[in-house]
């Protein structure tokens, strides 16, 4: 997810905006660096955490049934 920012710099506009929005460093981390807490950043990090925890849980369930 750190590489999404680099990808957004080299890709064409439709995909560059998508990758820039998903990048950790671009928009969502800069507020924390200056001490500003935005709700959109907190929601982003909660959504990313939920997604990867869900992905890990589903992977473990699939491996359990093999």
Protein backbone atom coordinates (compact mmCIF):
# COMPACT_ATOMS: atom_id res chain seq x y z
CA UNK A 1 0.00 0.00 0.00
CA UNK A 2 3.02 2.26 0.30
CA UNK A 3 3.72 1.74 -3.39
CA UNK A 4 0.31 3.02 -4.46
CA UNK A 5 1.57 6.60 -4.23
CA UNK A 6 4.47 5.83 -6.57
CA UNK A 7 2.10 4.10 -8.99
CA UNK A 8 -0.22 7.10 -8.98
CA UNK A 9 2.64 9.32 -10.12
CA UNK A 10 3.41 7.27 -13.23
CA UNK A 11 -0.05 6.12 -14.35
CA UNK A 12 -2.60 7.92 -16.47
CA UNK A 13 -5.33 10.06 -14.81
CA UNK A 14 -8.16 7.57 -14.28
CA UNK A 15 -5.97 5.05 -12.49
CA UNK A 16 -3.70 7.61 -10.89
CA UNK A 17 -6.58 9.09 -8.89
CA UNK A 18 -7.64 5.64 -7.70
CA UNK A 19 -4.14 4.72 -6.52
CA UNK A 20 -3.60 8.15 -4.96
CA UNK A 21 -6.80 7.69 -2.97
CA UNK A 22 -5.70 4.27 -1.72
CA UNK A 23 -2.16 5.29 -0.84
CA UNK A 24 -1.24 5.34 2.84
CA UNK A 25 1.22 8.19 2.67
CA UNK A 26 -0.45 10.55 0.24
CA UNK A 27 -3.53 11.98 1.87
CA UNK A 28 -4.29 9.95 4.95
CA UNK A 29 -1.00 10.09 6.84
CA UNK A 30 -0.06 13.74 6.39
CA UNK A 31 -2.71 14.90 8.84
CA UNK A 32 -1.21 12.73 11.55
CA UNK A 33 2.25 14.18 10.87
CA UNK A 34 1.13 17.72 11.66
CA UNK A 35 -1.10 16.72 14.56
CA UNK A 36 -4.50 17.06 12.90
CA UNK A 37 -6.99 14.24 13.33
CA UNK A 38 -9.56 14.03 10.53
CA UNK A 39 -12.48 11.62 10.66
CA UNK A 40 -11.87 10.58 7.04
CA UNK A 41 -8.35 9.43 7.93
CA UNK A 42 -9.54 7.43 10.94
CA UNK A 43 -12.30 5.83 8.85
CA UNK A 44 -9.76 5.00 6.14
CA UNK A 45 -7.42 3.24 8.58
CA UNK A 46 -10.30 1.39 10.23
CA UNK A 47 -11.57 0.24 6.83
CA UNK A 48 -8.11 -0.95 5.75
CA UNK A 49 -7.65 -2.78 9.06
CA UNK A 50 -11.08 -4.40 8.77
CA UNK A 51 -10.42 -5.47 5.19
CA UNK A 52 -7.12 -7.17 5.98
CA UNK A 53 -8.46 -8.82 9.13
CA UNK A 54 -11.41 -10.13 7.13
CA UNK A 55 -9.05 -11.37 4.43
CA UNK A 56 -6.88 -13.15 7.00
CA UNK A 57 -9.93 -14.74 8.64
CA UNK A 58 -11.30 -16.01 5.34
CA UNK A 59 -7.90 -17.39 4.38
CA UNK A 60 -7.65 -19.29 7.66
CA UNK A 61 -11.16 -20.69 7.18
CA UNK A 62 -10.31 -21.94 3.70
CA UNK A 63 -7.12 -23.59 4.91
CA UNK A 64 -8.95 -25.23 7.79
CA UNK A 65 -11.39 -26.95 5.39
CA UNK A 66 -8.68 -28.26 3.03
